[in-house]
């Protein structure tokens, strides 16, 4: 595994302070010094599309970017610095390079398992080898697939996904669930068979209420493969945020959107739902650091987009 660039932590904290200020937060340095504060680091990817190697040095826009070895080294370094880390993916793990054509997804799942992914949701391209092809590779995935708005009852995937999962980190409860895009017209029917698509807004409200009100989660995260936004009348992450309650963070995918920083949208209760997405092909690793002050009942967040490349000049 090749050596990865070192993160300049001072630059990251400086940037984090600017983001906090832009969001109207109190100075993070003063907030984080309190003994009652617990830090949670969310790392995330989306639409990696079987990109195992970095892009070749061929003069293209993405030359030299990405690569799972570099991402793995970066994740390992952050875990060494932070005790409470979740690594999540928002779907479209499959399809895009000959690795998928040769190995059918085994390599992708095996690498993600070795990297320690905590959970993922499904994208439309994860059906490209059919449901049977996806099921065949599941033994190589040591992490759950969270899908709440596909009914797989009449397929081989019945009982092989979960609607949500709760993670516990230093006394915090983090609820994570997944919502996925409508497959009709996007995926060949023979690949998804009798999968039933359920309204993602209704299911998201159901899952978020369950996690927040019944399980009393400190943070509710939606892994979404709906897409960031559309000109036409389609459900997107922006629409989802405005149409729901109790979701703190939407980690998105599908539209390959390179967001320089998260977007904060008022939900149905006027509370903030944060949306983030970091492009495609493993070019970037998203990072969101939440600071929970238990004594004051406060929560702050700072963000960074970490380029996955050989060095950070």
Protein backbone atom coordinates (compact mmCIF):
# COMPACT_ATOMS: atom_id res chain seq x y z
CA UNK A 1 0.00 0.00 0.00
CA UNK A 2 1.58 3.23 -1.13
CA UNK A 3 2.44 6.03 1.25
CA UNK A 4 -0.21 8.74 1.49
CA UNK A 5 0.18 12.46 2.02
CA UNK A 6 0.13 13.74 5.60
CA UNK A 7 -2.87 15.84 6.56
CA UNK A 8 -1.88 19.31 7.69
CA UNK A 9 -3.95 19.32 10.85
CA UNK A 10 -3.35 23.03 11.47
CA UNK A 11 -4.80 23.87 8.07
CA UNK A 12 -7.75 21.56 8.70
CA UNK A 13 -8.53 23.19 12.05
CA UNK A 14 -8.16 26.62 10.49
CA UNK A 15 -10.59 25.70 7.74
CA UNK A 16 -12.91 24.11 10.29
CA UNK A 17 -12.98 27.35 12.24
CA UNK A 18 -13.97 29.26 9.12
CA UNK A 19 -16.79 26.82 8.39
CA UNK A 20 -18.01 27.07 11.97
CA UNK A 21 -18.02 30.85 11.75
CA UNK A 22 -19.87 30.78 8.42
CA UNK A 23 -22.58 28.61 9.99
CA UNK A 24 -23.00 30.97 12.91
CA UNK A 25 -21.34 28.67 15.43
CA UNK A 26 -19.47 29.77 18.51
CA UNK A 27 -15.66 29.54 18.27
CA UNK A 28 -14.93 25.83 18.09
CA UNK A 29 -11.66 26.05 20.02
CA UNK A 30 -13.46 27.22 23.15
CA UNK A 31 -16.25 24.70 22.65
CA UNK A 32 -13.92 21.71 22.17
CA UNK A 33 -11.83 22.40 25.26
CA UNK A 34 -14.61 21.39 27.65
CA UNK A 35 -14.27 17.96 29.23
CA UNK A 36 -17.91 17.20 28.52
CA UNK A 37 -17.39 17.36 24.75
CA UNK A 38 -17.35 14.17 22.65
CA UNK A 39 -16.05 14.35 19.07
CA UNK A 40 -17.55 12.16 16.36
CA UNK A 41 -15.87 11.99 12.94
CA UNK A 42 -17.98 10.96 9.93
CA UNK A 43 -16.00 9.89 6.84
CA UNK A 44 -17.90 9.18 3.65
CA UNK A 45 -17.71 8.28 -0.04
CA UNK A 46 -20.22 7.90 -2.85
CA UNK A 47 -20.29 6.63 -6.44
CA UNK A 48 -16.85 5.04 -6.27
CA UNK A 49 -17.80 2.94 -9.34
CA UNK A 50 -15.17 0.19 -9.01
CA UNK A 51 -12.32 2.72 -9.19
CA UNK A 52 -9.56 0.71 -7.51
CA UNK A 53 -6.54 2.47 -9.01
CA UNK A 54 -5.86 6.21 -9.22
CA UNK A 55 -6.77 7.86 -12.50
CA UNK A 56 -3.85 7.52 -14.95
CA UNK A 57 -1.48 10.41 -15.59
CA UNK A 58 -2.87 11.09 -19.06
CA UNK A 59 -3.52 14.80 -18.93
CA UNK A 60 -7.20 14.38 -18.08
CA UNK A 61 -8.98 16.48 -15.47
CA UNK A 62 -8.82 13.72 -12.84
CA UNK A 63 -5.30 12.45 -13.55
CA UNK A 64 -3.53 11.06 -10.51
CA UNK A 65 -6.55 11.34 -8.24
CA UNK A 66 -8.20 8.63 -6.16
CA UNK A 67 -7.11 5.05 -5.52
CA UNK A 68 -8.20 2.75 -2.71
CA UNK A 69 -4.68 2.33 -1.28
CA UNK A 70 -4.44 6.07 -0.68
CA UNK A 71 -7.95 6.25 0.74
CA UNK A 72 -7.23 3.34 3.07
CA UNK A 73 -4.08 5.05 4.33
CA UNK A 74 -5.96 8.29 4.89
CA UNK A 75 -8.74 6.55 6.80
CA UNK A 76 -6.20 4.66 8.89
CA UNK A 77 -4.43 7.90 9.77
CA UNK A 78 -7.66 9.61 10.84
CA UNK A 79 -8.67 6.62 12.96
CA UNK A 80 -5.28 6.79 14.68
CA UNK A 81 -6.02 10.42 15.59
CA UNK A 82 -9.71 10.14 16.43
CA UNK A 83 -11.33 7.50 18.67
CA UNK A 84 -14.89 7.84 17.33
CA UNK A 85 -15.03 7.37 13.55
CA UNK A 86 -17.77 6.13 11.22
CA UNK A 87 -16.96 5.31 7.58
CA UNK A 88 -20.02 5.30 5.30
CA UNK A 89 -20.83 4.96 1.59
CA UNK A 90 -23.87 6.26 -0.33
CA UNK A 91 -24.03 3.67 -3.12
CA UNK A 92 -22.95 2.87 -6.68
CA UNK A 93 -20.03 0.82 -5.47
CA UNK A 94 -20.16 -1.26 -8.67
CA UNK A 95 -19.53 -0.62 -12.38
CA UNK A 96 -17.03 1.62 -14.11
CA UNK A 97 -13.73 -0.26 -14.54
CA UNK A 98 -12.64 -3.71 -15.78
CA UNK A 99 -12.24 -4.82 -12.15
CA UNK A 100 -16.02 -5.11 -11.93
CA UNK A 101 -16.25 -6.91 -15.28
CA UNK A 102 -13.63 -9.42 -14.13
CA UNK A 103 -14.58 -10.01 -10.50
CA UNK A 104 -18.26 -9.01 -10.32
CA UNK A 105 -17.89 -6.87 -7.19
CA UNK A 106 -15.86 -9.25 -5.03
CA UNK A 107 -12.85 -6.95 -5.06
CA UNK A 108 -14.87 -3.85 -4.18
CA UNK A 109 -16.59 -5.48 -1.19
CA UNK A 110 -13.38 -7.12 0.02
CA UNK A 111 -11.46 -3.84 -0.07
CA UNK A 112 -14.25 -1.95 1.70
CA UNK A 113 -14.33 -4.66 4.38
CA UNK A 114 -10.57 -4.42 4.88
CA UNK A 115 -10.90 -0.64 5.05
CA UNK A 116 -13.46 -1.01 7.82
CA UNK A 117 -16.56 0.52 6.30
CA UNK A 118 -19.33 0.65 8.88
CA UNK A 119 -22.29 0.74 6.48
CA UNK A 120 -23.39 1.50 2.92
CA UNK A 121 -26.57 1.89 0.95
CA UNK A 122 -27.32 0.66 -2.58
CA UNK A 123 -27.16 2.60 -5.83
CA UNK A 124 -28.75 1.76 -9.17
CA UNK A 125 -25.47 0.42 -10.57
CA UNK A 126 -25.22 -2.05 -7.72
CA UNK A 127 -27.92 -3.97 -9.62
CA UNK A 128 -25.82 -4.17 -12.81
CA UNK A 129 -25.02 -7.85 -12.29
CA UNK A 130 -28.62 -8.46 -11.16
CA UNK A 131 -29.85 -9.18 -7.66
CA UNK A 132 -28.32 -12.65 -7.88
CA UNK A 133 -24.93 -11.13 -8.73
CA UNK A 134 -25.15 -8.75 -5.76
CA UNK A 135 -26.15 -11.56 -3.40
CA UNK A 136 -23.24 -13.67 -4.65
CA UNK A 137 -20.77 -11.03 -3.47
CA UNK A 138 -22.37 -10.34 -0.07
CA UNK A 139 -20.12 -12.86 1.76
CA UNK A 140 -17.23 -10.51 0.96
CA UNK A 141 -18.96 -7.53 2.64
CA UNK A 142 -18.34 -7.38 6.39
CA UNK A 143 -20.64 -4.37 6.73
CA UNK A 144 -24.42 -3.95 6.42
CA UNK A 145 -26.35 -2.50 3.50
CA UNK A 146 -28.97 -0.11 4.81
CA UNK A 147 -32.05 0.17 2.58
CA UNK A 148 -35.41 1.28 3.92
CA UNK A 149 -37.44 2.03 0.77
CA UNK A 150 -36.92 -1.11 -1.31
CA UNK A 151 -39.12 -4.09 -0.47
CA UNK A 152 -37.08 -7.16 -1.36
CA UNK A 153 -39.64 -9.66 -0.03
CA UNK A 154 -40.00 -11.52 -3.33
CA UNK A 155 -36.30 -11.53 -4.23
CA UNK A 156 -33.08 -13.21 -3.16
CA UNK A 157 -32.20 -10.07 -1.18
CA UNK A 158 -35.00 -10.69 1.32
CA UNK A 159 -33.50 -10.43 4.80
CA UNK A 160 -30.05 -9.55 3.49
CA UNK A 161 -30.32 -5.78 3.97
CA UNK A 162 -31.31 -3.71 7.01
CA UNK A 163 -33.52 -0.62 7.13
CA UNK A 164 -31.26 1.03 9.71
CA UNK A 165 -28.47 0.47 12.21
CA UNK A 166 -27.54 2.19 15.46
CA UNK A 167 -23.87 2.76 16.26
CA UNK A 168 -22.63 3.59 19.75
CA UNK A 169 -19.56 5.79 20.16
CA UNK A 170 -18.41 6.96 23.61
CA UNK A 171 -21.94 7.19 24.95
CA UNK A 172 -23.39 8.62 21.74
CA UNK A 173 -26.06 6.83 19.70
CA UNK A 174 -25.87 7.40 15.96
CA UNK A 175 -28.76 6.11 13.88
CA UNK A 176 -28.09 5.47 10.20
CA UNK A 177 -30.63 4.47 7.54
CA UNK A 178 -30.69 4.37 3.74
CA UNK A 179 -33.03 5.54 0.97
CA UNK A 180 -32.51 4.73 -2.70
CA UNK A 181 -33.58 5.93 -6.12
CA UNK A 182 -36.50 4.58 -8.15
CA UNK A 183 -35.19 1.76 -10.38
CA UNK A 184 -37.94 1.71 -13.02
CA UNK A 185 -36.66 3.32 -16.20
CA UNK A 186 -33.14 3.46 -14.81
CA UNK A 187 -32.29 -0.24 -14.39
CA UNK A 188 -33.29 -3.18 -16.56
CA UNK A 189 -36.28 -4.91 -14.95
CA UNK A 190 -34.57 -8.29 -15.19
CA UNK A 191 -31.84 -6.99 -12.87
CA UNK A 192 -34.09 -5.88 -10.01
CA UNK A 193 -37.02 -8.24 -10.66
CA UNK A 194 -39.79 -7.88 -8.04
CA UNK A 195 -38.09 -5.22 -5.96
CA UNK A 196 -40.80 -2.79 -4.85
CA UNK A 197 -39.92 0.91 -4.64
CA UNK A 198 -41.44 2.71 -1.65
CA UNK A 199 -41.83 6.47 -1.24
CA UNK A 200 -38.44 7.66 0.07
CA UNK A 201 -39.89 10.70 1.85
CA UNK A 202 -42.44 8.63 3.77
CA UNK A 203 -39.86 5.98 4.67
CA UNK A 204 -37.29 8.60 5.66
CA UNK A 205 -39.79 10.24 8.00
CA UNK A 206 -40.65 6.84 9.45
CA UNK A 207 -37.02 5.81 9.99
CA UNK A 208 -35.92 9.18 11.34
CA UNK A 209 -38.81 9.35 13.83
CA UNK A 210 -38.03 5.82 14.99
CA UNK A 211 -34.34 6.60 15.49
CA UNK A 212 -34.81 10.01 17.09
CA UNK A 213 -37.94 9.53 19.20
CA UNK A 214 -37.95 5.84 20.11
CA UNK A 215 -34.24 4.97 20.10
CA UNK A 216 -33.21 8.47 21.27
CA UNK A 217 -30.29 8.79 18.87
CA UNK A 218 -28.03 11.79 19.29
CA UNK A 219 -27.51 12.01 15.52
CA UNK A 220 -29.64 10.65 12.67
CA UNK A 221 -27.89 10.09 9.33
CA UNK A 222 -29.55 9.25 6.03
CA UNK A 223 -27.45 7.52 3.37
CA UNK A 224 -29.17 8.65 0.18
CA UNK A 225 -28.79 7.54 -3.40
CA UNK A 226 -31.52 9.89 -4.61
CA UNK A 227 -29.27 12.59 -6.09
CA UNK A 228 -28.48 16.10 -4.85
CA UNK A 229 -30.91 18.19 -6.93
CA UNK A 230 -32.82 18.17 -10.23
CA UNK A 231 -34.45 20.72 -12.53
CA UNK A 232 -37.38 18.37 -13.06
CA UNK A 233 -39.85 17.29 -10.38
CA UNK A 234 -37.95 14.39 -8.82
CA UNK A 235 -37.19 13.53 -5.22
CA UNK A 236 -33.67 14.73 -4.43
CA UNK A 237 -31.65 15.27 -1.27
CA UNK A 238 -32.77 18.90 -1.24
CA UNK A 239 -36.42 17.85 -1.49
CA UNK A 240 -35.89 15.15 1.13
CA UNK A 241 -34.37 17.62 3.59
CA UNK A 242 -37.27 20.08 3.19
CA UNK A 243 -39.92 17.35 3.42
CA UNK A 244 -38.82 15.50 6.55
CA UNK A 245 -38.20 15.81 10.27
CA UNK A 246 -35.50 14.45 12.57
CA UNK A 247 -32.74 13.94 9.95
CA UNK A 248 -29.54 15.67 10.98
CA UNK A 249 -27.33 14.68 8.05
CA UNK A 250 -27.92 13.41 4.50
CA UNK A 251 -24.88 11.81 2.89
CA UNK A 252 -25.75 11.77 -0.79
CA UNK A 253 -24.81 10.08 -4.02
CA UNK A 254 -25.97 9.37 -7.59
CA UNK A 255 -25.46 12.83 -9.15
CA UNK A 256 -21.64 12.84 -8.70
CA UNK A 257 -21.88 16.30 -7.15
CA UNK A 258 -18.61 17.86 -5.96
CA UNK A 259 -19.77 19.93 -3.01
CA UNK A 260 -17.09 22.25 -1.66
CA UNK A 261 -18.93 22.41 1.64
CA UNK A 262 -22.18 21.01 3.04
CA UNK A 263 -25.53 22.67 2.46
CA UNK A 264 -27.78 23.42 5.44
CA UNK A 265 -31.53 23.28 4.72
CA UNK A 266 -34.43 23.93 7.14
CA UNK A 267 -36.64 20.87 7.56
CA UNK A 268 -40.39 20.76 8.25
CA UNK A 269 -39.77 21.88 11.85
CA UNK A 270 -37.40 24.67 10.84
CA UNK A 271 -34.43 22.73 12.15
CA UNK A 272 -31.30 22.24 10.07
CA UNK A 273 -30.67 19.18 7.91
CA UNK A 274 -27.16 19.09 6.46
CA UNK A 275 -26.48 17.64 2.98
CA UNK A 276 -23.07 16.56 1.76
CA UNK A 277 -21.68 14.71 -1.30
CA UNK A 278 -18.09 14.40 -2.53
CA UNK A 279 -18.13 13.71 -6.27
CA UNK A 280 -17.34 10.24 -7.57
CA UNK A 281 -14.66 7.59 -8.15
CA UNK A 282 -13.07 8.00 -4.73
CA UNK A 283 -11.45 11.29 -5.73
CA UNK A 284 -12.40 12.83 -2.38
CA UNK A 285 -13.09 11.63 1.12
CA UNK A 286 -15.76 13.61 2.93
CA UNK A 287 -15.13 14.50 6.56
CA UNK A 288 -17.63 15.93 9.05
CA UNK A 289 -16.60 16.40 12.67
CA UNK A 290 -19.42 16.74 15.20
CA UNK A 291 -18.74 18.01 18.71
CA UNK A 292 -21.36 17.11 21.31
CA UNK A 293 -21.36 19.04 24.60
CA UNK A 294 -23.40 16.84 26.94
CA UNK A 295 -23.46 19.33 29.81
CA UNK A 296 -24.89 22.16 27.70
CA UNK A 297 -26.87 20.04 25.26
CA UNK A 298 -25.13 21.69 22.33
CA UNK A 299 -23.76 20.31 19.07
CA UNK A 300 -21.36 21.88 16.59
CA UNK A 301 -20.11 20.62 13.23
CA UNK A 302 -17.15 21.42 11.01
CA UNK A 303 -16.38 19.95 7.60
CA UNK A 304 -13.58 19.30 5.16
CA UNK A 305 -13.21 17.73 1.72
CA UNK A 306 -10.04 15.64 1.72
CA UNK A 307 -8.55 15.06 -1.76
CA UNK A 308 -7.29 11.51 -2.26
CA UNK A 309 -4.01 12.03 -4.08
CA UNK A 310 -0.31 11.36 -3.72
CA UNK A 311 0.48 14.62 -1.98
CA UNK A 312 -1.26 17.75 -0.86
CA UNK A 313 0.77 20.66 -2.14
